[in-house]
Amino acid sequence: MVFDRERCKGCELCVTVCPRKILTLSPGLNSLGFHPAMITDASRCTGCCFCALMCPDVVITVLREEGENAARADEG
């Protein structure tokens, strides 16, 4: 999962929609003065893309790995 930290305005929509509750706002600020979203435990991400779909500013890109991790994500 990749966040465009400089474009994120910290609206928390991605945080509220994450079924695994692994997103939060960063304690640090971006250049716009917002706390950008960040992932707390990437190993628990299933790649569902709910966060990316919910983001009004399209600052989240979800990348899926091939192999074992992809099979695990499809099960979850």
PDB file of N, CA and C in Angstrom:
ATOM      1  N   MET A   1       0.851  -1.158   0.000  1.00  0.00           N
ATOM      2  CA  MET A   1       0.000   0.000   0.000  1.00  0.00           C
ATOM      3  C   MET A   1       0.904   1.230   0.000  1.00  0.00           C
ATOM      4  N   VAL A   2       0.587   2.161  -0.896  1.00  0.00           N
ATOM      5  CA  VAL A   2       1.387   3.374  -1.023  1.00  0.00           C
ATOM      6  C   VAL A   2       0.460   4.573  -0.874  1.00  0.00           C
ATOM      7  N   PHE A   3       0.859   5.510  -0.023  1.00  0.00           N
ATOM      8  CA  PHE A   3       0.109   6.740   0.196  1.00  0.00           C
ATOM      9  C   PHE A   3       0.880   7.906  -0.405  1.00  0.00           C
ATOM     10  N   ASP A   4       0.202   8.787  -1.101  1.00  0.00           N
ATOM     11  CA  ASP A   4       0.811  10.033  -1.546  1.00  0.00           C
ATOM     12  C   ASP A   4       0.648  11.003  -0.384  1.00  0.00           C
ATOM     13  N   ARG A   5       1.606  10.978   0.522  1.00  0.00           N
ATOM     14  CA  ARG A   5       1.522  11.725   1.787  1.00  0.00           C
ATOM     15  C   ARG A   5       1.305  13.219   1.573  1.00  0.00           C
ATOM     16  N   GLU A   6       1.877  13.756   0.527  1.00  0.00           N
ATOM     17  CA  GLU A   6       1.786  15.200   0.309  1.00  0.00           C
ATOM     18  C   GLU A   6       0.416  15.638  -0.188  1.00  0.00           C
ATOM     19  N   ARG A   7      -0.363  14.734  -0.765  1.00  0.00           N
ATOM     20  CA  ARG A   7      -1.708  15.086  -1.242  1.00  0.00           C
ATOM     21  C   ARG A   7      -2.800  14.695  -0.255  1.00  0.00           C
ATOM     22  N   CYS A   8      -2.484  13.891   0.737  1.00  0.00           N
ATOM     23  CA  CYS A   8      -3.476  13.423   1.713  1.00  0.00           C
ATOM     24  C   CYS A   8      -3.872  14.583   2.630  1.00  0.00           C
ATOM     25  N   LYS A   9      -5.185  14.748   2.816  1.00  0.00           N
ATOM     26  CA  LYS A   9      -5.660  15.833   3.680  1.00  0.00           C
ATOM     27  C   LYS A   9      -6.183  15.315   5.019  1.00  0.00           C
ATOM     28  N   GLY A  10      -5.915  14.047   5.325  1.00  0.00           N
ATOM     29  CA  GLY A  10      -6.244  13.505   6.636  1.00  0.00           C
ATOM     30  C   GLY A  10      -7.725  13.423   6.941  1.00  0.00           C
ATOM     31  N   CYS A  11      -8.552  13.138   5.961  1.00  0.00           N
ATOM     32  CA  CYS A  11     -10.004  13.109   6.179  1.00  0.00           C
ATOM     33  C   CYS A  11     -10.459  11.886   6.979  1.00  0.00           C
ATOM     34  N   GLU A  12      -9.627  10.882   7.067  1.00  0.00           N
ATOM     35  CA  GLU A  12      -9.866   9.644   7.827  1.00  0.00           C
ATOM     36  C   GLU A  12     -10.918   8.712   7.228  1.00  0.00           C
ATOM     37  N   LEU A  13     -11.378   8.969   6.021  1.00  0.00           N
ATOM     38  CA  LEU A  13     -12.344   8.054   5.409  1.00  0.00           C
ATOM     39  C   LEU A  13     -11.742   6.664   5.225  1.00  0.00           C
ATOM     40  N   CYS A  14     -10.490   6.599   4.839  1.00  0.00           N
ATOM     41  CA  CYS A  14      -9.831   5.303   4.665  1.00  0.00           C
ATOM     42  C   CYS A  14      -9.699   4.576   6.002  1.00  0.00           C
ATOM     43  N   VAL A  15      -9.433   5.326   7.053  1.00  0.00           N
ATOM     44  CA  VAL A  15      -9.279   4.746   8.391  1.00  0.00           C
ATOM     45  C   VAL A  15     -10.589   4.091   8.835  1.00  0.00           C
ATOM     46  N   THR A  16     -11.696   4.766   8.587  1.00  0.00           N
ATOM     47  CA  THR A  16     -12.989   4.249   9.049  1.00  0.00           C
ATOM     48  C   THR A  16     -13.465   3.057   8.242  1.00  0.00           C
ATOM     49  N   VAL A  17     -13.072   2.953   6.978  1.00  0.00           N
ATOM     50  CA  VAL A  17     -13.579   1.878   6.120  1.00  0.00           C
ATOM     51  C   VAL A  17     -12.697   0.617   6.152  1.00  0.00           C
ATOM     52  N   CYS A  18     -11.509   0.685   6.687  1.00  0.00           N
ATOM     53  CA  CYS A  18     -10.596  -0.472   6.700  1.00  0.00           C
ATOM     54  C   CYS A  18     -11.148  -1.589   7.588  1.00  0.00           C
ATOM     55  N   PRO A  19     -11.439  -2.766   7.007  1.00  0.00           N
ATOM     56  CA  PRO A  19     -12.003  -3.856   7.804  1.00  0.00           C
ATOM     57  C   PRO A  19     -11.015  -4.428   8.826  1.00  0.00           C
ATOM     58  N   ARG A  20      -9.732  -4.284   8.586  1.00  0.00           N
ATOM     59  CA  ARG A  20      -8.704  -4.791   9.500  1.00  0.00           C
ATOM     60  C   ARG A  20      -8.272  -3.769  10.543  1.00  0.00           C
ATOM     61  N   LYS A  21      -8.736  -2.534  10.402  1.00  0.00           N
ATOM     62  CA  LYS A  21      -8.388  -1.449  11.337  1.00  0.00           C
ATOM     63  C   LYS A  21      -6.874  -1.270  11.462  1.00  0.00           C
ATOM     64  N   ILE A  22      -6.207  -1.242  10.303  1.00  0.00           N
ATOM     65  CA  ILE A  22      -4.745  -1.109  10.293  1.00  0.00           C
ATOM     66  C   ILE A  22      -4.282   0.227   9.717  1.00  0.00           C
ATOM     67  N   LEU A  23      -5.214   1.154   9.534  1.00  0.00           N
ATOM     68  CA  LEU A  23      -4.859   2.490   9.060  1.00  0.00           C
ATOM     69  C   LEU A  23      -5.072   3.499  10.181  1.00  0.00           C
ATOM     70  N   THR A  24      -4.243   4.500  10.185  1.00  0.00           N
ATOM     71  CA  THR A  24      -4.342   5.565  11.175  1.00  0.00           C
ATOM     72  C   THR A  24      -3.776   6.839  10.556  1.00  0.00           C
ATOM     73  N   LEU A  25      -3.876   7.928  11.254  1.00  0.00           N
ATOM     74  CA  LEU A  25      -3.250   9.158  10.782  1.00  0.00           C
ATOM     75  C   LEU A  25      -1.858   9.283  11.390  1.00  0.00           C
ATOM     76  N   SER A  26      -0.936   9.721  10.592  1.00  0.00           N
ATOM     77  CA  SER A  26       0.453   9.892  11.015  1.00  0.00           C
ATOM     78  C   SER A  26       0.544  11.005  12.058  1.00  0.00           C
ATOM     79  N   PRO A  27       1.421  10.851  13.047  1.00  0.00           N
ATOM     80  CA  PRO A  27       1.613  11.937  14.016  1.00  0.00           C
ATOM     81  C   PRO A  27       2.286  13.152  13.388  1.00  0.00           C
ATOM     82  N   GLY A  28       3.030  12.935  12.293  1.00  0.00           N
ATOM     83  CA  GLY A  28       3.705  14.039  11.614  1.00  0.00           C
ATOM     84  C   GLY A  28       2.804  14.714  10.596  1.00  0.00           C
ATOM     85  N   LEU A  29       3.185  15.912  10.206  1.00  0.00           N
ATOM     86  CA  LEU A  29       2.412  16.680   9.238  1.00  0.00           C
ATOM     87  C   LEU A  29       3.053  16.626   7.852  1.00  0.00           C
ATOM     88  N   ASN A  30       2.214  16.719   6.818  1.00  0.00           N
ATOM     89  CA  ASN A  30       2.752  16.867   5.472  1.00  0.00           C
ATOM     90  C   ASN A  30       2.949  18.361   5.190  1.00  0.00           C
ATOM     91  N   SER A  31       3.372  18.710   3.970  1.00  0.00           N
ATOM     92  CA  SER A  31       3.673  20.111   3.661  1.00  0.00           C
ATOM     93  C   SER A  31       2.425  20.994   3.648  1.00  0.00           C
ATOM     94  N   LEU A  32       1.234  20.382   3.576  1.00  0.00           N
ATOM     95  CA  LEU A  32      -0.016  21.142   3.607  1.00  0.00           C
ATOM     96  C   LEU A  32      -0.529  21.361   5.034  1.00  0.00           C
ATOM     97  N   GLY A  33       0.144  20.748   6.006  1.00  0.00           N
ATOM     98  CA  GLY A  33      -0.250  20.904   7.399  1.00  0.00           C
ATOM     99  C   GLY A  33      -1.247  19.875   7.887  1.00  0.00           C
ATOM    100  N   PHE A  34      -1.437  18.789   7.125  1.00  0.00           N
ATOM    101  CA  PHE A  34      -2.361  17.723   7.510  1.00  0.00           C
ATOM    102  C   PHE A  34      -1.596  16.513   8.019  1.00  0.00           C
ATOM    103  N   HIS A  35      -2.254  15.714   8.844  1.00  0.00           N
ATOM    104  CA  HIS A  35      -1.716  14.428   9.282  1.00  0.00           C
ATOM    105  C   HIS A  35      -2.132  13.394   8.241  1.00  0.00           C
ATOM    106  N   PRO A  36      -1.209  12.923   7.401  1.00  0.00           N
ATOM    107  CA  PRO A  36      -1.587  11.984   6.352  1.00  0.00           C
ATOM    108  C   PRO A  36      -1.846  10.580   6.908  1.00  0.00           C
ATOM    109  N   ALA A  37      -2.627   9.829   6.176  1.00  0.00           N
ATOM    110  CA  ALA A  37      -2.916   8.448   6.566  1.00  0.00           C
ATOM    111  C   ALA A  37      -1.668   7.586   6.406  1.00  0.00           C
ATOM    112  N   MET A  38      -1.615   6.535   7.205  1.00  0.00           N
ATOM    113  CA  MET A  38      -0.507   5.576   7.122  1.00  0.00           C
ATOM    114  C   MET A  38      -1.003   4.211   7.576  1.00  0.00           C
ATOM    115  N   ILE A  39      -0.299   3.178   7.163  1.00  0.00           N
ATOM    116  CA  ILE A  39      -0.641   1.818   7.555  1.00  0.00           C
ATOM    117  C   ILE A  39       0.184   1.437   8.778  1.00  0.00           C
ATOM    118  N   THR A  40      -0.436   0.749   9.737  1.00  0.00           N
ATOM    119  CA  THR A  40       0.261   0.385  10.968  1.00  0.00           C
ATOM    120  C   THR A  40       0.844  -1.020  10.914  1.00  0.00           C
ATOM    121  N   ASP A  41       0.250  -1.912  10.111  1.00  0.00           N
ATOM    122  CA  ASP A  41       0.732  -3.290  10.025  1.00  0.00           C
ATOM    123  C   ASP A  41       0.453  -3.834   8.627  1.00  0.00           C
ATOM    124  N   ALA A  42       1.382  -3.619   7.716  1.00  0.00           N
ATOM    125  CA  ALA A  42       1.209  -4.019   6.320  1.00  0.00           C
ATOM    126  C   ALA A  42       1.010  -5.524   6.164  1.00  0.00           C
ATOM    127  N   SER A  43       1.524  -6.316   7.083  1.00  0.00           N
ATOM    128  CA  SER A  43       1.382  -7.773   6.972  1.00  0.00           C
ATOM    129  C   SER A  43      -0.069  -8.228   7.149  1.00  0.00           C
ATOM    130  N   ARG A  44      -0.904  -7.390   7.749  1.00  0.00           N
ATOM    131  CA  ARG A  44      -2.313  -7.738   7.953  1.00  0.00           C
ATOM    132  C   ARG A  44      -3.232  -7.247   6.833  1.00  0.00           C
ATOM    133  N   CYS A  45      -2.678  -6.500   5.885  1.00  0.00           N
ATOM    134  CA  CYS A  45      -3.466  -5.976   4.774  1.00  0.00           C
ATOM    135  C   CYS A  45      -3.835  -7.108   3.817  1.00  0.00           C
ATOM    136  N   THR A  46      -5.126  -7.182   3.465  1.00  0.00           N
ATOM    137  CA  THR A  46      -5.595  -8.224   2.544  1.00  0.00           C
ATOM    138  C   THR A  46      -5.658  -7.731   1.103  1.00  0.00           C
ATOM    139  N   GLY A  47      -5.436  -6.450   0.885  1.00  0.00           N
ATOM    140  CA  GLY A  47      -5.511  -5.896  -0.459  1.00  0.00           C
ATOM    141  C   GLY A  47      -6.936  -5.713  -0.941  1.00  0.00           C
ATOM    142  N   CYS A  48      -7.870  -5.511  -0.019  1.00  0.00           N
ATOM    143  CA  CYS A  48      -9.287  -5.378  -0.384  1.00  0.00           C
ATOM    144  C   CYS A  48      -9.575  -4.108  -1.176  1.00  0.00           C
ATOM    145  N   CYS A  49      -8.740  -3.103  -1.048  1.00  0.00           N
ATOM    146  CA  CYS A  49      -8.839  -1.827  -1.765  1.00  0.00           C
ATOM    147  C   CYS A  49      -9.969  -0.924  -1.289  1.00  0.00           C
ATOM    148  N   PHE A  50     -10.635  -1.249  -0.193  1.00  0.00           N
ATOM    149  CA  PHE A  50     -11.696  -0.376   0.318  1.00  0.00           C
ATOM    150  C   PHE A  50     -11.161   1.027   0.585  1.00  0.00           C
ATOM    151  N   CYS A  51      -9.968   1.105   1.145  1.00  0.00           N
ATOM    152  CA  CYS A  51      -9.377   2.409   1.465  1.00  0.00           C
ATOM    153  C   CYS A  51      -9.167   3.240   0.204  1.00  0.00           C
ATOM    154  N   ALA A  52      -8.615   2.621  -0.833  1.00  0.00           N
ATOM    155  CA  ALA A  52      -8.347   3.327  -2.080  1.00  0.00           C
ATOM    156  C   ALA A  52      -9.642   3.764  -2.760  1.00  0.00           C
ATOM    157  N   LEU A  53     -10.652   2.927  -2.698  1.00  0.00           N
ATOM    158  CA  LEU A  53     -11.933   3.265  -3.304  1.00  0.00           C
ATOM    159  C   LEU A  53     -12.628   4.398  -2.555  1.00  0.00           C
ATOM    160  N   MET A  54     -12.438   4.474  -1.253  1.00  0.00           N
ATOM    161  CA  MET A  54     -13.087   5.487  -0.427  1.00  0.00           C
ATOM    162  C   MET A  54     -12.388   6.849  -0.508  1.00  0.00           C
ATOM    163  N   CYS A  55     -11.113   6.871  -0.815  1.00  0.00           N
ATOM    164  CA  CYS A  55     -10.320   8.108  -0.792  1.00  0.00           C
ATOM    165  C   CYS A  55     -10.799   9.103  -1.848  1.00  0.00           C
ATOM    166  N   PRO A  56     -11.291  10.265  -1.420  1.00  0.00           N
ATOM    167  CA  PRO A  56     -11.804  11.241  -2.386  1.00  0.00           C
ATOM    168  C   PRO A  56     -10.713  11.901  -3.229  1.00  0.00           C
ATOM    169  N   ASP A  57      -9.481  11.839  -2.763  1.00  0.00           N
ATOM    170  CA  ASP A  57      -8.380  12.485  -3.477  1.00  0.00           C
ATOM    171  C   ASP A  57      -7.464  11.497  -4.193  1.00  0.00           C
ATOM    172  N   VAL A  58      -7.811  10.234  -4.191  1.00  0.00           N
ATOM    173  CA  VAL A  58      -7.078   9.164  -4.887  1.00  0.00           C
ATOM    174  C   VAL A  58      -5.594   9.201  -4.524  1.00  0.00           C
ATOM    175  N   VAL A  59      -5.305   9.167  -3.233  1.00  0.00           N
ATOM    176  CA  VAL A  59      -3.914   9.219  -2.784  1.00  0.00           C
ATOM    177  C   VAL A  59      -3.391   7.845  -2.364  1.00  0.00           C
ATOM    178  N   ILE A  60      -4.238   6.803  -2.465  1.00  0.00           N
ATOM    179  CA  ILE A  60      -3.841   5.467  -2.025  1.00  0.00           C
ATOM    180  C   ILE A  60      -3.757   4.520  -3.213  1.00  0.00           C
ATOM    181  N   THR A  61      -2.632   3.815  -3.308  1.00  0.00           N
ATOM    182  CA  THR A  61      -2.446   2.778  -4.311  1.00  0.00           C
ATOM    183  C   THR A  61      -2.211   1.471  -3.577  1.00  0.00           C
ATOM    184  N   VAL A  62      -3.005   0.464  -3.904  1.00  0.00           N
ATOM    185  CA  VAL A  62      -2.849  -0.844  -3.278  1.00  0.00           C
ATOM    186  C   VAL A  62      -2.184  -1.769  -4.286  1.00  0.00           C
ATOM    187  N   LEU A  63      -1.052  -2.324  -3.890  1.00  0.00           N
ATOM    188  CA  LEU A  63      -0.308  -3.248  -4.733  1.00  0.00           C
ATOM    189  C   LEU A  63      -0.407  -4.634  -4.131  1.00  0.00           C
ATOM    190  N   ARG A  64      -0.619  -5.624  -4.962  1.00  0.00           N
ATOM    191  CA  ARG A  64      -0.714  -7.000  -4.472  1.00  0.00           C
ATOM    192  C   ARG A  64       0.512  -7.781  -4.906  1.00  0.00           C
ATOM    193  N   GLU A  65       1.000  -8.628  -4.001  1.00  0.00           N
ATOM    194  CA  GLU A  65       2.130  -9.486  -4.308  1.00  0.00           C
ATOM    195  C   GLU A  65       1.630 -10.782  -4.909  1.00  0.00           C
ATOM    196  N   GLU A  66       2.401 -11.334  -5.815  1.00  0.00           N
ATOM    197  CA  GLU A  66       2.049 -12.628  -6.386  1.00  0.00           C
ATOM    198  C   GLU A  66       2.545 -13.725  -5.460  1.00  0.00           C
ATOM    199  N   GLY A  67       1.949 -14.899  -5.568  1.00  0.00           N
ATOM    200  CA  GLY A  67       2.399 -16.034  -4.780  1.00  0.00           C
ATOM    201  C   GLY A  67       1.590 -16.224  -3.519  1.00  0.00           C
ATOM    202  N   GLU A  68       2.269 -16.601  -2.442  1.00  0.00           N
ATOM    203  CA  GLU A  68       1.623 -16.962  -1.182  1.00  0.00           C
ATOM    204  C   GLU A  68       0.782 -15.828  -0.605  1.00  0.00           C
ATOM    205  N   ASN A  69       1.306 -14.617  -0.606  1.00  0.00           N
ATOM    206  CA  ASN A  69       0.557 -13.493  -0.053  1.00  0.00           C
ATOM    207  C   ASN A  69      -0.705 -13.207  -0.852  1.00  0.00           C
ATOM    208  N   ALA A  70      -0.659 -13.378  -2.164  1.00  0.00           N
ATOM    209  CA  ALA A  70      -1.841 -13.150  -3.004  1.00  0.00           C
ATOM    210  C   ALA A  70      -2.914 -14.186  -2.696  1.00  0.00           C
ATOM    211  N   ALA A  71      -2.506 -15.427  -2.498  1.00  0.00           N
ATOM    212  CA  ALA A  71      -3.470 -16.477  -2.165  1.00  0.00           C
ATOM    213  C   ALA A  71      -4.116 -16.198  -0.808  1.00  0.00           C
ATOM    214  N   ARG A  72      -3.329 -15.737   0.156  1.00  0.00           N
ATOM    215  CA  ARG A  72      -3.855 -15.407   1.478  1.00  0.00           C
ATOM    216  C   ARG A  72      -4.857 -14.261   1.402  1.00  0.00           C
ATOM    217  N   ALA A  73      -4.568 -13.251   0.580  1.00  0.00           N
ATOM    218  CA  ALA A  73      -5.461 -12.103   0.439  1.00  0.00           C
ATOM    219  C   ALA A  73      -6.788 -12.517  -0.194  1.00  0.00           C
ATOM    220  N   ASP A  74      -6.743 -13.442  -1.121  1.00  0.00           N
ATOM    221  CA  ASP A  74      -7.970 -13.898  -1.775  1.00  0.00           C
ATOM    222  C   ASP A  74      -8.856 -14.684  -0.813  1.00  0.00           C
ATOM    223  N   GLU A  75      -8.248 -15.301   0.195  1.00  0.00           N
ATOM    224  CA  GLU A  75      -9.022 -16.082   1.178  1.00  0.00           C
ATOM    225  C   GLU A  75      -9.736 -15.170   2.178  1.00  0.00           C
ATOM    226  N   GLY A  76      -9.124 -13.997   2.484  1.00  0.00           N
ATOM    227  CA  GLY A  76      -9.589 -13.125   3.544  1.00  0.00           C
ATOM    228  C   GLY A  76     -10.725 -12.283   3.190  1.00  0.00           C
TER     229      GLY A  76
END
